[in-house]
Amino acid sequence: MLIGRERFEEVYNTIKQSACAGGACTVLILVAPDCDAVCGCHILTRLLRDDNVPFKVTPVAGYGDVAAATVDVADAFSEIRSVVMLNCGGTVNLEALFGGGAATIFVVDSHRPFHLRNVHSGGRVVVLDAEPLDAGDCPSDGEDLDGDFMDSDDDLSESDEESDGGDDDDDEADGDNSDDGSRKRSARDARRAEKRAKRESQDAAGARKRRVRAYYDGTYDGPPSSALLFALGEGVARSEHAELWLAALGLTFARGQFRIADDARAEGAGPGDAELAVPGRGYQAPPGTVTFEAEELRFMLHRHWPLFDAMYYSNYVAARLSVWKADGKRKLQELLAKIGLSLEHCKQRFAFLSEAQRASMKERLRDQGPAYDLDDPFTTSFHRVSASGDVVSAQDAAAIVEALLEGHALDCFLKGFWQAYDACLPDDGALLAQGIRAATLLQRSVVQQAVSMVEKKEITTLRHFRYAYITSATSDVFAKPLAVRKLALFLLGVHQHNGKWAADKDKPLVVLAERRDTFLVVGVSSSRGASKNRLAHAFKLAAEHIKADVAHDWFDSAVIEVLHDDVQRFVESLHYIMQHVN
């Protein structure tokens, strides 16, 4: 069942009422390991805590973890009455995954398209979205909701080869009204009616399959989960500064990952115009205050490390100046001089400049930037005052949370998750400092790896996609999907901006990062976030084509893990598959 935001209050009241029947813990929250989901978890748990609704938060790294959680839900003695899934579950058949049990499953997931079984579940599964799906875009309830036929080579337009069985002879004029002739005509008419009904049924079935095929054709992203839960909080009149910050943080993460357009406001599901119009109120505000900044510099963590590094390693500046080249570095130094910053200033953090210096720099950057292809060096952002009095922007906090999620070994997933959870509302100075170190290390690694791949010409171009390998000897930073995606998006941004991958040269990019015995394969279709990514289905077909043993367990279906011995065959198979799906 699909629910629009006008019924979010009803959904929350259902969860509360289910909890009234008693039980130590009635709500289970399954949270994917990304900044948006973690922020959404914060918003939801604050609401539940205020209403004394007992809950349990379980981080899940993939569908294997979700399957393990379903065992407790399906138990006959389970007290779980509501399962809330944040940025997971929407794209798979949850009724089949959860099996028995009386719990209602509530899905708040930015991944699209939703599985049609969830949309037409009849109430066991409740999917929240900003707006209900348009009837013209969503196939109705019925057969083929799983879309399994998309993996076959069936010809939907196959003609009916059944013989007419000598009906031509029956068309001869009979010349009399005998009972025998009447019976023949009746039989002939019945056969014709049966064939006509069969053809019409085949036509209808073919049309339906085409609609289902079009619905599942490519993955994309909807509004961030944190934005939807912010809207839910508004529905029950409990959206305050903390909720506004968390929604802004989730939205900022989605923009940074190019999952939504840079100027999108989550399709009306998140912080709206009234909140966005609130101006900054200075840095003397009390801890927890959230303000709006109309001109946030597009420089990576510029308040927290040297200004030169903040510009050099930012996606925005690096892509436009090619700063790793001698000419690009010279242009960056020249620009800094023109906006009034000495070498000594460049070694400082932006926050250490005086108020007059910061204002002068911004004004000069606005004037001089276009000459260096930096024609839009500012974006909008929210700021939050931490308990220590530090000002943290949503861009910085999103980078910190993401890095803490990614910065731990694979067997330390829970430790990284809970550190990232605490960093969403950054009041712990030590944790904030740790997150800044992790974020700067990750961004340095992304840029350095990308530069190495470009300079060594390690990106191979095929007819329908590009691909590149990262070996374990190069870096173990890229052992998790978000880091590999950041790298892929950086490469796309650089090459699209310099025109080499623009317009008709634009192709999906596949990055294969070596792990211990496998390769983590991540595919991105565009750095703009608007187009559908058809690599997810192609990955599945490519693996099936070579009968490879793969792990397709992540919530982002454009991520797959392939055994080391199968990876070359997988790339070859993907090339073959992409020729047929394009």
Protein backbone atom coordinates (compact mmCIF):
# COMPACT_ATOMS: atom_id res chain seq x y z
CA MET A 1 0.00 0.00 0.00
CA LEU A 2 1.36 3.40 -1.01
CA ILE A 3 0.68 6.37 1.30
CA GLY A 4 1.19 10.04 0.41
CA ARG A 5 2.23 12.72 2.89
CA GLU A 6 -1.35 13.78 3.55
CA ARG A 7 -1.78 10.49 5.48
CA PHE A 8 1.56 10.47 7.35
CA GLU A 9 -0.10 11.45 10.63
CA GLU A 10 -2.42 8.46 10.25
CA VAL A 11 0.60 6.18 9.77
CA TYR A 12 2.30 7.46 12.93
CA ASN A 13 -0.89 7.12 14.96
CA THR A 14 -1.18 3.51 13.76
CA ILE A 15 2.31 2.77 15.10
CA LYS A 16 1.46 4.42 18.43
CA GLN A 17 -1.85 2.61 18.79
CA SER A 18 -0.22 -0.74 18.05
CA ALA A 19 2.20 -0.07 20.89
CA CYS A 20 -0.65 0.53 23.36
CA ALA A 21 -1.44 -3.19 23.48
CA GLY A 22 1.65 -3.64 25.65
CA GLY A 23 4.97 -5.34 25.19
CA ALA A 24 8.55 -4.50 26.05
CA CYS A 25 9.42 -3.50 22.49
CA THR A 26 6.79 -3.11 19.81
CA VAL A 27 8.69 -1.21 17.09
CA LEU A 28 11.72 -2.52 15.20
CA ILE A 29 13.62 0.02 13.09
CA LEU A 30 15.93 -1.38 10.41
CA VAL A 31 18.39 1.29 9.25
CA ALA A 32 20.60 1.23 6.15
CA PRO A 33 24.18 2.53 6.55
CA ASP A 34 23.87 5.93 4.89
CA CYS A 35 23.63 9.48 6.23
CA ASP A 36 20.04 9.99 5.07
CA ALA A 37 18.75 6.83 6.77
CA VAL A 38 20.65 7.58 9.98
CA CYS A 39 19.15 11.10 10.07
CA GLY A 40 15.70 9.65 9.45
CA CYS A 41 16.25 7.23 12.32
CA HIS A 42 17.07 10.15 14.62
CA ILE A 43 13.84 11.95 13.67
CA LEU A 44 11.66 8.88 14.14
CA THR A 45 13.20 7.80 17.46
CA ARG A 46 12.81 11.32 18.87
CA LEU A 47 9.10 11.13 18.10
CA LEU A 48 8.71 7.63 19.56
CA ARG A 49 10.69 8.53 22.67
CA ASP A 50 8.50 11.57 23.29
CA ASP A 51 5.41 9.31 23.10
CA ASN A 52 6.93 6.57 25.30
CA VAL A 53 6.76 4.02 22.49
CA PRO A 54 9.35 1.27 23.08
CA PHE A 55 11.55 0.59 20.05
CA LYS A 56 14.71 -1.17 18.94
CA VAL A 57 17.13 0.15 16.32
CA THR A 58 18.97 -2.46 14.24
CA PRO A 59 21.57 -1.32 11.68
CA VAL A 60 21.52 -3.53 8.57
CA ALA A 61 24.35 -3.59 6.04
CA GLY A 62 22.44 -5.60 3.44
CA TYR A 63 19.53 -7.92 2.82
CA GLY A 64 21.31 -10.74 4.64
CA ASP A 65 20.99 -8.69 7.83
CA VAL A 66 17.35 -7.92 7.02
CA ALA A 67 16.62 -11.64 6.54
CA ALA A 68 18.18 -12.35 9.94
CA ALA A 69 15.93 -9.71 11.53
CA THR A 70 12.81 -11.27 10.00
CA VAL A 71 13.28 -14.41 12.08
CA ASP A 72 12.41 -12.59 15.30
CA VAL A 73 9.51 -10.74 13.65
CA ALA A 74 7.95 -13.98 12.38
CA ASP A 75 8.25 -15.70 15.77
CA ALA A 76 4.83 -16.57 17.18
CA PHE A 77 5.77 -14.99 20.51
CA SER A 78 7.22 -11.82 19.00
CA GLU A 79 5.93 -8.57 20.47
CA ILE A 80 7.02 -6.60 17.39
CA ARG A 81 3.94 -5.02 15.84
CA SER A 82 5.58 -2.46 13.57
CA VAL A 83 8.73 -2.77 11.48
CA VAL A 84 10.06 0.48 10.02
CA MET A 85 12.61 0.13 7.19
CA LEU A 86 14.75 3.18 6.43
CA ASN A 87 16.36 3.30 2.98
CA CYS A 88 15.97 -0.43 2.58
CA GLY A 89 13.23 -2.83 1.56
CA GLY A 90 11.31 -0.74 -0.94
CA THR A 91 12.68 -2.48 -4.03
CA VAL A 92 12.15 -6.12 -2.94
CA ASN A 93 9.07 -8.23 -2.20
CA LEU A 94 8.75 -7.74 1.55
CA GLU A 95 5.79 -10.07 2.03
CA ALA A 96 7.93 -12.89 0.67
CA LEU A 97 10.99 -11.78 2.66
CA PHE A 98 9.20 -11.51 6.02
CA GLY A 99 6.88 -14.47 5.55
CA GLY A 100 4.55 -14.94 8.51
CA GLY A 101 3.98 -12.74 11.50
CA ALA A 102 1.42 -10.11 12.38
CA ALA A 103 3.70 -7.06 12.24
CA THR A 104 2.96 -4.30 9.75
CA ILE A 105 5.98 -3.26 7.68
CA PHE A 106 6.39 0.49 7.10
CA VAL A 107 8.86 1.43 4.36
CA VAL A 108 10.56 4.82 4.08
CA ASP A 109 13.04 4.25 1.25
CA SER A 110 14.55 6.66 -1.26
CA HIS A 111 15.44 3.87 -3.71
CA ARG A 112 13.16 3.51 -6.72
CA PRO A 113 11.24 1.88 -8.27
CA PHE A 114 9.24 0.34 -5.47
CA HIS A 115 8.50 -3.35 -5.83
CA LEU A 116 4.94 -3.64 -7.10
CA ARG A 117 4.13 -6.33 -4.53
CA ASN A 118 4.75 -3.70 -1.84
CA VAL A 119 2.61 -1.12 -3.63
CA HIS A 120 -0.30 -3.58 -3.94
CA SER A 121 0.21 -5.41 -0.62
CA GLY A 122 -3.23 -4.65 0.78
CA GLY A 123 -1.94 -3.27 4.08
CA ARG A 124 0.73 -5.71 5.34
CA VAL A 125 3.35 -3.44 3.74
CA VAL A 126 2.87 0.34 3.90
CA VAL A 127 5.17 2.45 1.69
CA LEU A 128 5.54 6.17 2.42
CA ASP A 129 6.20 8.62 -0.40
CA ALA A 130 5.85 12.36 -0.92
CA GLU A 131 3.09 11.82 -3.46
CA PRO A 132 1.19 8.68 -4.51
CA LEU A 133 2.32 7.15 -7.77
CA ASP A 134 0.48 8.37 -10.83
CA ALA A 135 -1.92 5.69 -12.03
CA GLY A 136 -0.47 6.06 -15.52
CA ASP A 137 3.02 5.21 -14.26
CA CYS A 138 2.16 2.30 -11.96
CA PRO A 139 0.82 -1.01 -13.28
CA SER A 140 -2.30 -2.22 -11.49
CA ASP A 141 -2.48 -5.24 -9.21
CA GLY A 142 -2.37 -8.60 -10.98
CA GLU A 143 0.13 -10.95 -12.58
CA ASP A 144 3.85 -10.39 -13.20
CA LEU A 145 4.34 -7.93 -10.31
CA ASP A 146 7.83 -9.34 -9.74
CA GLY A 147 8.92 -8.59 -13.29
CA ASP A 148 10.65 -11.98 -13.53
CA PHE A 149 9.80 -12.23 -17.23
CA MET A 150 12.29 -9.38 -17.87
CA ASP A 151 15.09 -11.89 -17.47
CA SER A 152 13.80 -14.17 -20.27
CA ASP A 153 13.99 -13.99 -24.01
CA ASP A 154 10.28 -14.63 -24.53
CA ASP A 155 8.85 -13.06 -27.61
CA LEU A 156 5.68 -11.31 -26.49
CA SER A 157 4.51 -10.87 -30.02
CA GLU A 158 4.65 -14.55 -30.94
CA SER A 159 1.78 -15.33 -33.27
CA ASP A 160 -0.76 -18.06 -32.76
CA GLU A 161 0.43 -21.02 -34.83
CA GLU A 162 -2.63 -23.15 -34.21
CA SER A 163 -4.12 -24.59 -37.40
CA ASP A 164 -7.55 -23.54 -38.49
CA GLY A 165 -8.49 -27.23 -38.68
CA GLY A 166 -10.14 -27.07 -42.10
CA ASP A 167 -12.49 -24.21 -41.44
CA ASP A 168 -12.09 -23.07 -45.06
CA ASP A 169 -14.08 -26.04 -46.24
CA ASP A 170 -16.79 -25.16 -43.78
CA ASP A 171 -17.15 -21.73 -45.43
CA GLU A 172 -18.65 -23.31 -48.53
CA ALA A 173 -22.36 -22.59 -48.97
CA ASP A 174 -24.31 -25.42 -47.46
CA GLY A 175 -27.45 -24.86 -49.44
CA ASP A 176 -29.75 -26.33 -46.80
CA ASN A 177 -30.88 -25.77 -43.20
CA SER A 178 -30.07 -29.24 -41.88
CA ASP A 179 -29.25 -29.86 -38.23
CA ASP A 180 -25.82 -31.09 -39.32
CA GLY A 181 -25.01 -27.72 -40.97
CA SER A 182 -26.19 -25.80 -37.92
CA ARG A 183 -23.97 -27.84 -35.67
CA LYS A 184 -20.98 -27.20 -37.95
CA ARG A 185 -21.61 -23.47 -37.97
CA SER A 186 -21.99 -23.40 -34.20
CA ALA A 187 -18.74 -25.30 -33.73
CA ARG A 188 -16.98 -23.02 -36.23
CA ASP A 189 -18.25 -19.89 -34.49
CA ALA A 190 -17.19 -21.25 -31.10
CA ARG A 191 -13.66 -21.95 -32.36
CA ARG A 192 -13.42 -18.45 -33.87
CA ALA A 193 -14.67 -16.86 -30.65
CA GLU A 194 -12.15 -18.90 -28.65
CA LYS A 195 -9.28 -17.82 -30.92
CA ARG A 196 -10.39 -14.19 -30.80
CA ALA A 197 -10.57 -14.28 -27.00
CA LYS A 198 -7.12 -15.90 -26.89
CA ARG A 199 -5.64 -13.22 -29.17
CA GLU A 200 -7.23 -10.46 -27.07
CA SER A 201 -5.93 -12.07 -23.91
CA GLN A 202 -2.44 -12.27 -25.41
CA ASP A 203 -2.65 -8.64 -26.50
CA ALA A 204 -3.71 -7.57 -23.01
CA ALA A 205 -1.02 -9.70 -21.38
CA GLY A 206 1.58 -8.28 -23.75
CA ALA A 207 0.50 -4.73 -23.02
CA ARG A 208 0.64 -5.40 -19.29
CA LYS A 209 4.11 -6.90 -19.52
CA ARG A 210 5.27 -3.86 -21.45
CA ARG A 211 3.92 -1.59 -18.69
CA VAL A 212 5.62 -3.64 -15.98
CA ARG A 213 8.84 -3.71 -18.02
CA ALA A 214 8.76 0.07 -18.40
CA TYR A 215 8.08 0.49 -14.67
CA TYR A 216 11.12 -1.60 -13.65
CA ASP A 217 13.35 -0.23 -16.43
CA GLY A 218 16.17 1.39 -14.47
CA THR A 219 16.74 2.48 -10.88
CA TYR A 220 16.52 6.03 -9.61
CA ASP A 221 16.04 7.97 -6.37
CA GLY A 222 13.06 9.62 -4.74
CA PRO A 223 12.90 12.08 -1.84
CA PRO A 224 15.33 11.42 1.02
CA SER A 225 13.90 9.36 3.87
CA SER A 226 14.84 12.04 6.38
CA ALA A 227 12.75 14.55 4.41
CA LEU A 228 9.73 12.25 4.48
CA LEU A 229 10.08 11.72 8.23
CA PHE A 230 10.46 15.47 8.71
CA ALA A 231 7.12 15.79 6.92
CA LEU A 232 5.70 13.13 9.25
CA GLY A 233 6.93 15.17 12.22
CA GLU A 234 5.24 18.24 10.77
CA GLY A 235 2.05 16.23 10.48
CA VAL A 236 2.06 15.56 14.23
CA ALA A 237 3.23 19.14 14.96
CA ARG A 238 6.63 18.18 16.34
CA SER A 239 9.26 19.45 13.93
CA GLU A 240 11.74 21.63 15.80
CA HIS A 241 15.32 22.80 15.28
CA ALA A 242 16.82 19.33 15.66
CA GLU A 243 14.39 17.79 13.16
CA LEU A 244 14.98 20.62 10.72
CA TRP A 245 18.72 20.08 10.97
CA LEU A 246 18.44 16.32 10.49
CA ALA A 247 16.22 16.74 7.43
CA ALA A 248 18.63 19.32 5.98
CA LEU A 249 21.52 16.95 6.62
CA GLY A 250 19.82 14.05 4.84
CA LEU A 251 18.92 16.31 1.93
CA THR A 252 22.51 17.59 1.73
CA PHE A 253 23.83 14.02 1.64
CA ALA A 254 21.45 13.11 -1.19
CA ARG A 255 22.59 16.15 -3.18
CA GLY A 256 26.25 15.37 -2.53
CA GLN A 257 25.76 11.83 -3.82
CA PHE A 258 23.90 13.29 -6.85
CA ARG A 259 20.86 11.22 -5.95
CA ILE A 260 18.68 14.29 -6.40
CA ALA A 261 19.23 17.51 -8.32
CA ASP A 262 21.35 20.15 -6.60
CA ASP A 263 18.46 22.62 -6.44
CA ALA A 264 15.82 20.05 -5.43
CA ARG A 265 13.86 20.43 -2.22
CA ALA A 266 12.81 16.81 -2.00
CA GLU A 267 9.63 17.34 -4.03
CA GLY A 268 7.96 19.23 -1.22
CA ALA A 269 8.65 16.52 1.34
CA GLY A 270 11.36 18.21 3.38
CA PRO A 271 12.26 21.65 4.72
CA GLY A 272 10.05 24.06 2.82
CA ASP A 273 10.20 27.68 1.78
CA ALA A 274 9.25 28.95 5.24
CA GLU A 275 12.24 27.23 6.82
CA LEU A 276 14.57 28.08 3.94
CA ALA A 277 13.72 31.75 4.30
CA VAL A 278 15.03 31.93 7.88
CA PRO A 279 18.27 33.96 7.72
CA GLY A 280 21.41 33.26 9.69
CA ARG A 281 21.41 34.88 13.11
CA GLY A 282 25.14 35.04 13.71
CA TYR A 283 27.46 32.75 15.61
CA GLN A 284 26.55 33.87 19.15
CA ALA A 285 23.40 31.76 19.12
CA PRO A 286 22.97 29.13 21.87
CA PRO A 287 23.92 25.46 21.23
CA GLY A 288 21.48 23.58 19.07
CA THR A 289 20.43 26.66 17.11
CA VAL A 290 19.92 25.99 13.40
CA THR A 291 20.32 28.85 10.91
CA PHE A 292 20.16 29.19 7.16
CA GLU A 293 23.16 30.36 5.13
CA ALA A 294 22.41 31.72 1.66
CA GLU A 295 26.08 31.74 0.56
CA GLU A 296 27.94 28.63 1.65
CA LEU A 297 31.28 28.14 -0.11
CA ARG A 298 31.53 24.99 -2.22
CA PHE A 299 34.89 24.14 -0.64
CA MET A 300 35.27 20.83 1.14
CA LEU A 301 35.27 21.24 4.97
CA HIS A 302 36.77 24.73 4.59
CA ARG A 303 36.15 25.59 8.25
CA HIS A 304 38.13 22.61 9.45
CA TRP A 305 41.35 22.33 7.41
CA PRO A 306 43.63 24.69 5.46
CA LEU A 307 41.78 26.79 2.90
CA PHE A 308 44.12 25.76 0.07
CA ASP A 309 43.42 22.06 0.75
CA ALA A 310 39.70 22.75 1.06
CA MET A 311 39.70 24.21 -2.46
CA TYR A 312 42.22 21.78 -3.97
CA TYR A 313 40.29 18.69 -2.83
CA SER A 314 36.75 19.96 -3.40
CA ASN A 315 34.90 18.30 -6.28
CA TYR A 316 33.77 21.70 -7.50
CA VAL A 317 37.22 23.33 -7.82
CA ALA A 318 39.18 20.21 -8.78
CA ALA A 319 36.88 19.36 -11.69
CA ARG A 320 36.98 22.89 -13.13
CA LEU A 321 40.67 23.71 -12.71
CA SER A 322 42.21 20.23 -13.02
CA VAL A 323 44.25 21.18 -9.98
CA TRP A 324 46.50 18.12 -10.17
CA LYS A 325 48.09 19.51 -13.33
CA ALA A 326 50.77 22.17 -13.10
CA ASP A 327 48.62 24.66 -15.00
CA GLY A 328 45.61 23.96 -12.77
CA LYS A 329 47.61 24.42 -9.58
CA ARG A 330 49.04 27.68 -10.94
CA LYS A 331 45.52 28.92 -11.70
CA LEU A 332 44.38 28.08 -8.18
CA GLN A 333 47.28 29.99 -6.65
CA GLU A 334 46.64 32.90 -9.00
CA LEU A 335 42.95 32.97 -8.07
CA LEU A 336 43.78 32.98 -4.36
CA ALA A 337 46.05 35.97 -4.86
CA LYS A 338 43.36 37.83 -6.79
CA ILE A 339 40.80 37.35 -4.02
CA GLY A 340 43.24 38.82 -1.52
CA LEU A 341 44.60 35.75 0.23
CA SER A 342 48.31 35.43 0.91
CA LEU A 343 50.14 32.10 1.15
CA GLU A 344 49.95 32.47 4.93
CA HIS A 345 46.18 32.92 4.79
CA CYS A 346 45.86 29.86 2.58
CA LYS A 347 47.46 27.73 5.25
CA GLN A 348 44.76 28.79 7.71
CA ARG A 349 41.22 27.63 8.08
CA PHE A 350 38.52 29.94 6.76
CA ALA A 351 37.13 30.33 10.28
CA PHE A 352 40.41 31.90 11.42
CA LEU A 353 40.08 34.79 8.98
CA SER A 354 38.57 37.96 10.33
CA GLU A 355 34.97 38.83 9.52
CA ALA A 356 36.20 41.58 7.17
CA GLN A 357 38.59 39.17 5.40
CA ARG A 358 35.86 36.59 4.90
CA ALA A 359 33.45 39.16 3.49
CA SER A 360 36.12 40.58 1.16
CA MET A 361 37.11 37.13 -0.03
CA LYS A 362 33.53 36.20 -0.90
CA GLU A 363 32.98 39.45 -2.79
CA ARG A 364 36.19 39.08 -4.79
CA LEU A 365 35.49 35.41 -5.46
CA ARG A 366 32.13 36.37 -6.89
CA ASP A 367 33.91 38.82 -9.25
CA GLN A 368 37.00 36.78 -10.14
CA GLY A 369 35.61 33.26 -10.07
CA PRO A 370 34.00 33.23 -13.54
CA ALA A 371 37.38 33.92 -15.16
CA TYR A 372 38.53 30.58 -13.69
CA ASP A 373 35.34 28.69 -14.55
CA LEU A 374 34.10 29.06 -10.96
CA ASP A 375 30.94 30.89 -11.90
CA ASP A 376 28.82 29.49 -9.07
CA PRO A 377 31.11 29.07 -6.03
CA PHE A 378 28.27 29.35 -3.49
CA THR A 379 25.39 27.12 -2.49
CA THR A 380 22.72 27.26 0.20
CA SER A 381 23.17 25.44 3.47
CA PHE A 382 22.01 25.07 7.04
CA HIS A 383 24.33 25.68 9.99
CA ARG A 384 24.10 24.30 13.50
CA VAL A 385 25.81 25.56 16.65
CA SER A 386 27.36 22.67 18.58
CA ALA A 387 27.59 22.38 22.36
CA SER A 388 31.18 23.64 22.19
CA GLY A 389 30.08 26.72 20.24
CA ASP A 390 31.53 25.51 16.92
CA VAL A 391 29.49 26.17 13.79
CA VAL A 392 29.00 23.10 11.60
CA SER A 393 27.46 23.29 8.14
CA ALA A 394 25.21 20.58 6.77
CA GLN A 395 27.78 19.92 4.02
CA ASP A 396 30.51 19.33 6.59
CA ALA A 397 28.30 17.18 8.83
CA ALA A 398 27.19 15.03 5.88
CA ALA A 399 30.83 14.42 4.91
CA ILE A 400 31.68 13.55 8.54
CA VAL A 401 28.79 11.11 8.95
CA GLU A 402 29.55 9.45 5.63
CA ALA A 403 33.24 9.08 6.48
CA LEU A 404 32.51 7.57 9.90
CA LEU A 405 30.19 5.03 8.26
CA GLU A 406 32.87 4.13 5.72
CA GLY A 407 36.01 4.52 7.81
CA HIS A 408 35.98 1.26 9.73
CA ALA A 409 36.97 -2.25 8.77
CA LEU A 410 34.22 -4.46 7.39
CA ASP A 411 33.96 -6.35 10.68
CA CYS A 412 33.48 -3.08 12.64
CA PHE A 413 30.26 -2.07 10.92
CA LEU A 414 28.27 -1.46 14.11
CA LYS A 415 30.98 0.69 15.67
CA GLY A 416 31.06 2.95 12.62
CA PHE A 417 27.28 3.11 12.47
CA TRP A 418 26.83 4.29 16.05
CA GLN A 419 29.63 6.82 15.77
CA ALA A 420 27.96 8.18 12.64
CA TYR A 421 24.63 8.22 14.48
CA ASP A 422 26.09 10.35 17.27
CA ALA A 423 27.79 12.65 14.75
CA CYS A 424 24.46 13.66 13.17
CA LEU A 425 23.93 16.05 16.08
CA PRO A 426 27.62 16.94 16.56
CA ASP A 427 28.02 18.05 20.18
CA ASP A 428 30.96 15.81 21.09
CA GLY A 429 34.14 17.73 20.24
CA ALA A 430 36.32 14.61 20.17
CA LEU A 431 33.92 12.76 17.87
CA LEU A 432 33.66 15.81 15.63
CA ALA A 433 37.45 15.98 15.35
CA GLN A 434 37.61 12.26 14.57
CA GLY A 435 34.96 12.67 11.89
CA ILE A 436 36.78 15.60 10.31
CA ARG A 437 39.99 13.55 10.11
CA ALA A 438 38.09 10.64 8.55
CA ALA A 439 36.32 12.92 6.05
CA THR A 440 39.48 14.71 4.93
CA LEU A 441 41.29 11.36 4.57
CA LEU A 442 38.45 9.96 2.47
CA GLN A 443 38.30 13.03 0.21
CA ARG A 444 42.09 13.07 -0.25
CA SER A 445 41.95 9.38 -1.17
CA VAL A 446 39.16 9.95 -3.69
CA VAL A 447 40.97 12.79 -5.46
CA GLN A 448 44.38 11.09 -5.38
CA GLN A 449 42.94 7.82 -6.71
CA ALA A 450 41.04 9.65 -9.45
CA VAL A 451 44.14 11.62 -10.49
CA SER A 452 46.17 8.42 -10.65
CA MET A 453 43.55 6.71 -12.81
CA VAL A 454 43.33 9.69 -15.18
CA GLU A 455 47.07 10.18 -15.54
CA LYS A 456 47.74 6.46 -16.03
CA LYS A 457 44.82 6.18 -18.47
CA GLU A 458 43.33 3.32 -16.47
CA ILE A 459 39.73 3.91 -17.61
CA THR A 460 38.68 1.66 -20.49
CA THR A 461 35.94 2.81 -22.85
CA LEU A 462 33.60 0.27 -24.44
CA ARG A 463 30.65 0.98 -26.69
CA HIS A 464 28.03 1.19 -23.93
CA PHE A 465 29.98 1.89 -20.72
CA ARG A 466 33.38 2.69 -19.24
CA TYR A 467 35.14 0.73 -16.53
CA ALA A 468 38.22 0.89 -14.32
CA TYR A 469 39.88 -1.28 -11.68
CA ILE A 470 41.19 -0.35 -8.24
CA THR A 471 43.60 -2.93 -6.87
CA SER A 472 43.92 -3.63 -3.16
CA ALA A 473 47.56 -2.60 -3.41
CA THR A 474 46.36 0.89 -4.37
CA SER A 475 44.11 1.57 -1.38
CA ASP A 476 41.90 -0.24 1.10
CA VAL A 477 39.78 2.90 1.51
CA PHE A 478 37.57 1.72 -1.34
CA ALA A 479 36.28 -1.43 0.32
CA LYS A 480 32.74 -0.08 0.77
CA PRO A 481 30.17 1.07 -1.78
CA LEU A 482 29.80 4.73 -0.76
CA ALA A 483 33.52 5.45 -1.14
CA VAL A 484 33.62 3.76 -4.55
CA ARG A 485 30.55 5.72 -5.61
CA LYS A 486 32.20 8.99 -4.50
CA LEU A 487 35.19 8.12 -6.67
CA ALA A 488 33.03 7.25 -9.67
CA LEU A 489 31.03 10.47 -9.34
CA PHE A 490 34.23 12.52 -9.07
CA LEU A 491 35.56 10.95 -12.28
CA LEU A 492 32.26 11.58 -14.04
CA GLY A 493 32.22 15.18 -12.89
CA VAL A 494 35.76 15.88 -14.08
CA HIS A 495 35.28 14.37 -17.52
CA GLN A 496 31.80 15.74 -18.09
CA HIS A 497 32.95 19.23 -17.20
CA ASN A 498 35.95 19.13 -19.53
CA GLY A 499 33.69 17.88 -22.31
CA LYS A 500 35.35 14.49 -22.84
CA TRP A 501 32.33 12.57 -21.53
CA ALA A 502 29.61 15.08 -22.34
CA ALA A 503 26.56 14.85 -24.62
CA ASP A 504 26.75 11.79 -26.91
CA LYS A 505 30.01 10.68 -25.22
CA ASP A 506 28.23 10.24 -21.88
CA LYS A 507 28.23 6.58 -20.79
CA PRO A 508 27.75 4.78 -17.47
CA LEU A 509 30.90 4.23 -15.43
CA VAL A 510 31.66 0.96 -13.64
CA VAL A 511 34.38 0.89 -10.98
CA LEU A 512 35.68 -2.48 -9.76
CA ALA A 513 37.45 -2.25 -6.40
CA GLU A 514 39.49 -5.25 -5.29
CA ARG A 515 38.80 -6.74 -1.86
CA ARG A 516 40.32 -9.84 -0.29
CA ASP A 517 38.91 -12.52 -2.62
CA THR A 518 36.40 -10.47 -4.57
CA PHE A 519 35.81 -7.25 -6.47
CA LEU A 520 33.21 -4.75 -5.32
CA VAL A 521 31.51 -3.49 -8.49
CA VAL A 522 29.73 -0.12 -8.39
CA GLY A 523 27.97 1.46 -11.36
CA VAL A 524 26.83 5.07 -11.82
CA SER A 525 24.97 6.35 -14.84
CA SER A 526 25.24 10.11 -14.41
CA SER A 527 26.59 12.67 -11.99
CA ARG A 528 23.38 14.67 -12.33
CA GLY A 529 21.09 12.25 -10.51
CA ALA A 530 18.13 12.69 -12.84
CA SER A 531 18.58 9.79 -15.27
CA LYS A 532 17.71 6.18 -14.60
CA ASN A 533 20.52 3.76 -13.86
CA ARG A 534 20.08 0.61 -15.94
CA LEU A 535 23.25 -1.03 -14.66
CA ALA A 536 21.51 -2.80 -11.76
CA HIS A 537 19.53 -5.09 -14.06
CA ALA A 538 22.50 -5.47 -16.40
CA PHE A 539 24.71 -6.58 -13.47
CA LYS A 540 22.19 -9.28 -12.57
CA LEU A 541 21.89 -10.55 -16.13
CA ALA A 542 25.67 -10.48 -16.68
CA ALA A 543 26.24 -12.61 -13.58
CA GLU A 544 23.53 -15.08 -14.60
CA HIS A 545 24.90 -15.25 -18.14
CA ILE A 546 28.25 -16.62 -16.92
CA LYS A 547 26.69 -18.48 -13.97
CA ALA A 548 28.93 -16.58 -11.57
CA ASP A 549 28.53 -16.82 -7.81
CA VAL A 550 27.94 -13.20 -6.80
CA ALA A 551 26.63 -11.23 -3.82
CA HIS A 552 23.87 -8.82 -4.81
CA ASP A 553 23.02 -7.98 -1.22
CA TRP A 554 23.27 -4.18 -1.02
CA PHE A 555 20.30 -1.84 -0.88
CA ASP A 556 21.72 0.04 -3.86
CA SER A 557 21.09 -2.54 -6.56
CA ALA A 558 23.80 -1.02 -8.80
CA VAL A 559 26.34 -2.61 -6.43
CA ILE A 560 27.43 -6.23 -6.75
CA GLU A 561 30.32 -8.33 -5.45
CA VAL A 562 32.05 -10.71 -7.86
CA LEU A 563 34.64 -13.39 -7.12
CA HIS A 564 38.19 -12.50 -8.15
CA ASP A 565 38.36 -15.40 -10.63
CA ASP A 566 35.09 -14.34 -12.31
CA VAL A 567 35.62 -10.60 -12.62
CA GLN A 568 37.10 -10.51 -16.15
CA ARG A 569 34.36 -12.80 -17.47
CA PHE A 570 31.83 -10.62 -15.68
CA VAL A 571 33.04 -7.49 -17.50
CA GLU A 572 32.92 -9.32 -20.83
CA SER A 573 29.42 -10.58 -20.06
CA LEU A 574 28.33 -7.08 -19.04
CA HIS A 575 29.58 -5.76 -22.38
CA TYR A 576 27.51 -8.41 -24.16
CA ILE A 577 24.40 -7.69 -22.05
CA MET A 578 24.66 -3.91 -22.47
CA GLN A 579 24.71 -4.35 -26.24
CA HIS A 580 21.30 -5.99 -25.99
CA VAL A 581 19.62 -3.76 -23.39
CA ASN A 582 20.60 -0.48 -25.08
